[in-house]
Amino acid sequence: MSDPYVVVVMGVSGTGKTTIGQLLAGALDVPYAEGDDFHPPENIAKMSAGTPLDDNDRWPWLDAVGAWAAGRAGQGGVVAASSLKRSYRDRLRAAAPDLVFVHLAGDRALIEKRMAARKGHFMPTALLDSQFATLQPLEDDEAGVTVEVTGTPEDIAGRAVEALRGL
């Protein structure tokens, strides 16, 4: 990886985007940004109440994440952002064309178990089905890699680093 990547760690809630994103940023020696911090309060309240966001809720959030990513161009960075639909990733790439995605993927039962064990997160497990229904995995023409979420966070982050090196 000659130029520092700006990486979006994507996937459904509960895949470990924050944990893996932080480890990945450390391994790449670049800053980390938490995608949830870019949500307006209305989005947090909606999700906390168990109501899935619609696209109109997501556009301002994606624009904020995209602006952060664009500001990191040439310097590198990692941001966790679900980016479940191709149209969402396209919107992020419109702001920051050289983005690379790391899709954290895994078995629904494992992810639900991890979600249930989380403390203090606003996303209830009841929204997991809507997340999987919305998910459009990376397509062949998208810059990125898919990494399974089995093993320890360090294992997963290590596989992500290796996969990025293979791009």
C-alpha atoms as a PDB file:
ATOM      1  CA  MET A   1       0.000   0.000   0.000  1.00  0.00           C
ATOM      2  CA  SER A   2       2.107   2.866  -1.270  1.00  0.00           C
ATOM      3  CA  ASP A   3      -0.456   5.633  -0.780  1.00  0.00           C
ATOM      4  CA  PRO A   4      -2.417   5.652   2.455  1.00  0.00           C
ATOM      5  CA  TYR A   5      -5.925   4.387   1.891  1.00  0.00           C
ATOM      6  CA  VAL A   6      -9.047   6.006   3.203  1.00  0.00           C
ATOM      7  CA  VAL A   7     -10.961   2.918   4.290  1.00  0.00           C
ATOM      8  CA  VAL A   8     -14.649   2.545   5.088  1.00  0.00           C
ATOM      9  CA  VAL A   9     -15.288  -0.448   7.333  1.00  0.00           C
ATOM     10  CA  MET A  10     -18.792  -1.532   6.318  1.00  0.00           C
ATOM     11  CA  GLY A  11     -21.321  -4.174   7.263  1.00  0.00           C
ATOM     12  CA  VAL A  12     -24.462  -4.758   9.243  1.00  0.00           C
ATOM     13  CA  SER A  13     -24.655  -3.699  12.864  1.00  0.00           C
ATOM     14  CA  GLY A  14     -22.847  -6.075  15.186  1.00  0.00           C
ATOM     15  CA  THR A  15     -20.077  -7.129  12.810  1.00  0.00           C
ATOM     16  CA  GLY A  16     -17.480  -5.208  14.799  1.00  0.00           C
ATOM     17  CA  LYS A  17     -17.014  -2.164  12.596  1.00  0.00           C
ATOM     18  CA  THR A  18     -15.857   0.025  15.485  1.00  0.00           C
ATOM     19  CA  THR A  19     -13.494  -2.512  17.036  1.00  0.00           C
ATOM     20  CA  ILE A  20     -12.026  -3.673  13.743  1.00  0.00           C
ATOM     21  CA  GLY A  21     -11.897  -0.114  12.418  1.00  0.00           C
ATOM     22  CA  GLN A  22      -9.862   1.035  15.406  1.00  0.00           C
ATOM     23  CA  LEU A  23      -7.483  -1.934  15.092  1.00  0.00           C
ATOM     24  CA  LEU A  24      -7.166  -1.399  11.350  1.00  0.00           C
ATOM     25  CA  ALA A  25      -6.419   2.308  11.813  1.00  0.00           C
ATOM     26  CA  GLY A  26      -3.736   1.396  14.338  1.00  0.00           C
ATOM     27  CA  ALA A  27      -2.175  -1.153  11.998  1.00  0.00           C
ATOM     28  CA  LEU A  28      -2.193   1.344   9.116  1.00  0.00           C
ATOM     29  CA  ASP A  29      -1.056   4.212  11.380  1.00  0.00           C
ATOM     30  CA  VAL A  30      -3.902   6.494  10.290  1.00  0.00           C
ATOM     31  CA  PRO A  31      -6.719   8.254  12.203  1.00  0.00           C
ATOM     32  CA  TYR A  32      -9.999   6.526  12.997  1.00  0.00           C
ATOM     33  CA  ALA A  33     -13.458   8.123  12.852  1.00  0.00           C
ATOM     34  CA  GLU A  34     -16.626   6.574  14.261  1.00  0.00           C
ATOM     35  CA  GLY A  35     -19.355   6.737  11.641  1.00  0.00           C
ATOM     36  CA  ASP A  36     -22.083   6.814  14.292  1.00  0.00           C
ATOM     37  CA  ASP A  37     -20.732  10.191  15.417  1.00  0.00           C
ATOM     38  CA  PHE A  38     -21.773  11.672  12.058  1.00  0.00           C
ATOM     39  CA  HIS A  39     -25.463  10.813  12.601  1.00  0.00           C
ATOM     40  CA  PRO A  40     -27.728  13.724  13.520  1.00  0.00           C
ATOM     41  CA  PRO A  41     -29.569  13.306  16.852  1.00  0.00           C
ATOM     42  CA  GLU A  42     -32.827  12.550  15.014  1.00  0.00           C
ATOM     43  CA  ASN A  43     -31.273   9.436  13.450  1.00  0.00           C
ATOM     44  CA  ILE A  44     -29.960   8.184  16.792  1.00  0.00           C
ATOM     45  CA  ALA A  45     -33.391   8.685  18.371  1.00  0.00           C
ATOM     46  CA  LYS A  46     -35.099   6.862  15.519  1.00  0.00           C
ATOM     47  CA  MET A  47     -32.758   3.859  15.686  1.00  0.00           C
ATOM     48  CA  SER A  48     -32.879   3.793  19.491  1.00  0.00           C
ATOM     49  CA  ALA A  49     -36.656   3.495  19.216  1.00  0.00           C
ATOM     50  CA  GLY A  50     -36.239   0.467  16.928  1.00  0.00           C
ATOM     51  CA  THR A  51     -37.217   2.301  13.736  1.00  0.00           C
ATOM     52  CA  PRO A  52     -34.982   1.670  10.721  1.00  0.00           C
ATOM     53  CA  LEU A  53     -33.608   4.703   8.933  1.00  0.00           C
ATOM     54  CA  ASP A  54     -34.827   5.427   5.433  1.00  0.00           C
ATOM     55  CA  ASP A  55     -32.718   6.838   2.631  1.00  0.00           C
ATOM     56  CA  ASN A  56     -33.771  10.410   3.394  1.00  0.00           C
ATOM     57  CA  ASP A  57     -32.389   9.935   6.918  1.00  0.00           C
ATOM     58  CA  ARG A  58     -29.146   8.526   5.576  1.00  0.00           C
ATOM     59  CA  TRP A  59     -28.192  11.100   2.904  1.00  0.00           C
ATOM     60  CA  PRO A  60     -26.999  13.843   5.314  1.00  0.00           C
ATOM     61  CA  TRP A  61     -25.126  11.233   7.353  1.00  0.00           C
ATOM     62  CA  LEU A  62     -23.440   9.815   4.257  1.00  0.00           C
ATOM     63  CA  ASP A  63     -22.545  13.319   3.104  1.00  0.00           C
ATOM     64  CA  ALA A  64     -20.882  14.010   6.469  1.00  0.00           C
ATOM     65  CA  VAL A  65     -18.929  10.740   6.339  1.00  0.00           C
ATOM     66  CA  GLY A  66     -17.967  11.470   2.719  1.00  0.00           C
ATOM     67  CA  ALA A  67     -16.734  14.948   3.639  1.00  0.00           C
ATOM     68  CA  TRP A  68     -14.521  13.464   6.364  1.00  0.00           C
ATOM     69  CA  ALA A  69     -13.169  10.874   3.916  1.00  0.00           C
ATOM     70  CA  ALA A  70     -12.517  13.517   1.259  1.00  0.00           C
ATOM     71  CA  GLY A  71     -10.573  15.536   3.809  1.00  0.00           C
ATOM     72  CA  ARG A  72      -8.330  12.527   4.472  1.00  0.00           C
ATOM     73  CA  ALA A  73      -7.455  11.930   0.780  1.00  0.00           C
ATOM     74  CA  GLY A  74      -3.733  11.303   0.388  1.00  0.00           C
ATOM     75  CA  GLN A  75      -3.298  11.067   4.156  1.00  0.00           C
ATOM     76  CA  GLY A  76      -5.286   7.932   4.924  1.00  0.00           C
ATOM     77  CA  GLY A  77      -7.906   7.198   7.506  1.00  0.00           C
ATOM     78  CA  VAL A  78     -10.435   4.625   8.613  1.00  0.00           C
ATOM     79  CA  VAL A  79     -14.110   5.279   9.246  1.00  0.00           C
ATOM     80  CA  ALA A  80     -16.779   2.806  10.309  1.00  0.00           C
ATOM     81  CA  ALA A  81     -19.998   3.288   8.342  1.00  0.00           C
ATOM     82  CA  SER A  82     -22.505   0.563   7.521  1.00  0.00           C
ATOM     83  CA  SER A  83     -22.665   1.495   3.795  1.00  0.00           C
ATOM     84  CA  LEU A  84     -25.155  -1.312   3.238  1.00  0.00           C
ATOM     85  CA  LYS A  85     -26.386  -0.317  -0.234  1.00  0.00           C
ATOM     86  CA  ARG A  86     -24.435   0.248  -3.417  1.00  0.00           C
ATOM     87  CA  SER A  87     -26.119   3.659  -3.737  1.00  0.00           C
ATOM     88  CA  TYR A  88     -24.722   4.624  -0.311  1.00  0.00           C
ATOM     89  CA  ARG A  89     -21.216   3.572  -1.318  1.00  0.00           C
ATOM     90  CA  ASP A  90     -21.603   5.439  -4.608  1.00  0.00           C
ATOM     91  CA  ARG A  91     -22.546   8.567  -2.666  1.00  0.00           C
ATOM     92  CA  LEU A  92     -19.459   8.198  -0.462  1.00  0.00           C
ATOM     93  CA  ARG A  93     -17.266   7.676  -3.547  1.00  0.00           C
ATOM     94  CA  ALA A  94     -18.767  10.795  -5.147  1.00  0.00           C
ATOM     95  CA  ALA A  95     -17.253  12.764  -2.256  1.00  0.00           C
ATOM     96  CA  ALA A  96     -14.056  10.704  -1.955  1.00  0.00           C
ATOM     97  CA  PRO A  97     -13.401   8.776  -5.205  1.00  0.00           C
ATOM     98  CA  ASP A  98     -10.453   6.736  -3.924  1.00  0.00           C
ATOM     99  CA  LEU A  99     -12.273   5.143  -0.991  1.00  0.00           C
ATOM    100  CA  VAL A 100     -11.634   1.482  -0.297  1.00  0.00           C
ATOM    101  CA  PHE A 101     -14.208  -0.639   1.527  1.00  0.00           C
ATOM    102  CA  VAL A 102     -13.642  -3.456   4.001  1.00  0.00           C
ATOM    103  CA  HIS A 103     -16.904  -5.400   4.215  1.00  0.00           C
ATOM    104  CA  LEU A 104     -17.153  -7.277   7.501  1.00  0.00           C
ATOM    105  CA  ALA A 105     -19.386 -10.250   6.757  1.00  0.00           C
ATOM    106  CA  GLY A 106     -20.647 -13.092   8.857  1.00  0.00           C
ATOM    107  CA  ASP A 107     -23.334 -15.508   9.862  1.00  0.00           C
ATOM    108  CA  ARG A 108     -26.525 -13.886  11.141  1.00  0.00           C
ATOM    109  CA  ALA A 109     -26.644 -16.022  14.314  1.00  0.00           C
ATOM    110  CA  LEU A 110     -23.083 -15.031  15.278  1.00  0.00           C
ATOM    111  CA  ILE A 111     -23.770 -11.351  14.645  1.00  0.00           C
ATOM    112  CA  GLU A 112     -27.012 -11.437  16.656  1.00  0.00           C
ATOM    113  CA  LYS A 113     -25.157 -13.073  19.553  1.00  0.00           C
ATOM    114  CA  ARG A 114     -22.511 -10.322  19.454  1.00  0.00           C
ATOM    115  CA  MET A 115     -25.161  -7.597  19.274  1.00  0.00           C
ATOM    116  CA  ALA A 116     -26.994  -9.028  22.271  1.00  0.00           C
ATOM    117  CA  ALA A 117     -23.776  -8.914  24.311  1.00  0.00           C
ATOM    118  CA  ARG A 118     -23.066  -5.227  23.562  1.00  0.00           C
ATOM    119  CA  LYS A 119     -23.609  -2.684  26.285  1.00  0.00           C
ATOM    120  CA  GLY A 120     -24.570   0.942  25.728  1.00  0.00           C
ATOM    121  CA  HIS A 121     -25.137   0.832  21.957  1.00  0.00           C
ATOM    122  CA  PHE A 122     -28.256   2.421  20.480  1.00  0.00           C
ATOM    123  CA  MET A 123     -28.911  -0.208  17.802  1.00  0.00           C
ATOM    124  CA  PRO A 124     -31.310  -2.918  19.054  1.00  0.00           C
ATOM    125  CA  THR A 125     -31.054  -6.504  17.782  1.00  0.00           C
ATOM    126  CA  ALA A 126     -34.624  -6.101  16.463  1.00  0.00           C
ATOM    127  CA  LEU A 127     -33.203  -4.080  13.551  1.00  0.00           C
ATOM    128  CA  LEU A 128     -30.787  -6.811  12.440  1.00  0.00           C
ATOM    129  CA  ASP A 129     -33.281  -8.320   9.985  1.00  0.00           C
ATOM    130  CA  SER A 130     -33.788  -4.955   8.296  1.00  0.00           C
ATOM    131  CA  GLN A 131     -30.011  -4.551   8.067  1.00  0.00           C
ATOM    132  CA  PHE A 132     -29.578  -7.926   6.353  1.00  0.00           C
ATOM    133  CA  ALA A 133     -32.525  -7.185   4.043  1.00  0.00           C
ATOM    134  CA  THR A 134     -30.891  -3.903   3.019  1.00  0.00           C
ATOM    135  CA  LEU A 135     -27.340  -5.278   2.616  1.00  0.00           C
ATOM    136  CA  GLN A 136     -25.936  -5.291  -0.909  1.00  0.00           C
ATOM    137  CA  PRO A 137     -22.457  -6.854  -0.755  1.00  0.00           C
ATOM    138  CA  LEU A 138     -19.549  -5.268  -2.584  1.00  0.00           C
ATOM    139  CA  GLU A 139     -19.661  -5.759  -6.329  1.00  0.00           C
ATOM    140  CA  ASP A 140     -16.689  -6.714  -8.499  1.00  0.00           C
ATOM    141  CA  ASP A 141     -16.230  -3.156  -9.772  1.00  0.00           C
ATOM    142  CA  GLU A 142     -16.010  -1.681  -6.246  1.00  0.00           C
ATOM    143  CA  ALA A 143     -12.613  -1.155  -4.624  1.00  0.00           C
ATOM    144  CA  GLY A 144     -12.649  -3.254  -1.521  1.00  0.00           C
ATOM    145  CA  VAL A 145     -12.380  -6.586   0.221  1.00  0.00           C
ATOM    146  CA  THR A 146     -14.701  -8.840   2.189  1.00  0.00           C
ATOM    147  CA  VAL A 147     -13.467 -10.233   5.496  1.00  0.00           C
ATOM    148  CA  GLU A 148     -15.268 -12.853   7.584  1.00  0.00           C
ATOM    149  CA  VAL A 149     -15.897 -11.891  11.218  1.00  0.00           C
ATOM    150  CA  THR A 150     -14.880 -15.210  12.731  1.00  0.00           C
ATOM    151  CA  GLY A 151     -12.057 -15.313  15.256  1.00  0.00           C
ATOM    152  CA  THR A 152     -10.718 -12.626  17.537  1.00  0.00           C
ATOM    153  CA  PRO A 153     -10.830  -8.941  16.631  1.00  0.00           C
ATOM    154  CA  GLU A 154      -7.061  -9.092  16.121  1.00  0.00           C
ATOM    155  CA  ASP A 155      -7.485 -12.029  13.701  1.00  0.00           C
ATOM    156  CA  ILE A 156     -10.149 -10.175  11.743  1.00  0.00           C
ATOM    157  CA  ALA A 157      -8.130  -6.942  11.575  1.00  0.00           C
ATOM    158  CA  GLY A 158      -5.057  -8.901  10.508  1.00  0.00           C
ATOM    159  CA  ARG A 159      -6.988 -10.520   7.657  1.00  0.00           C
ATOM    160  CA  ALA A 160      -8.284  -7.084   6.648  1.00  0.00           C
ATOM    161  CA  VAL A 161      -4.755  -5.638   6.503  1.00  0.00           C
ATOM    162  CA  GLU A 162      -3.554  -8.570   4.425  1.00  0.00           C
ATOM    163  CA  ALA A 163      -6.531  -8.301   2.081  1.00  0.00           C
ATOM    164  CA  LEU A 164      -5.923  -4.567   1.607  1.00  0.00           C
ATOM    165  CA  ARG A 165      -2.269  -5.239   0.815  1.00  0.00           C
ATOM    166  CA  GLY A 166      -3.481  -7.565  -1.931  1.00  0.00           C
ATOM    167  CA  LEU A 167      -5.396  -4.817  -3.726  1.00  0.00           C
END
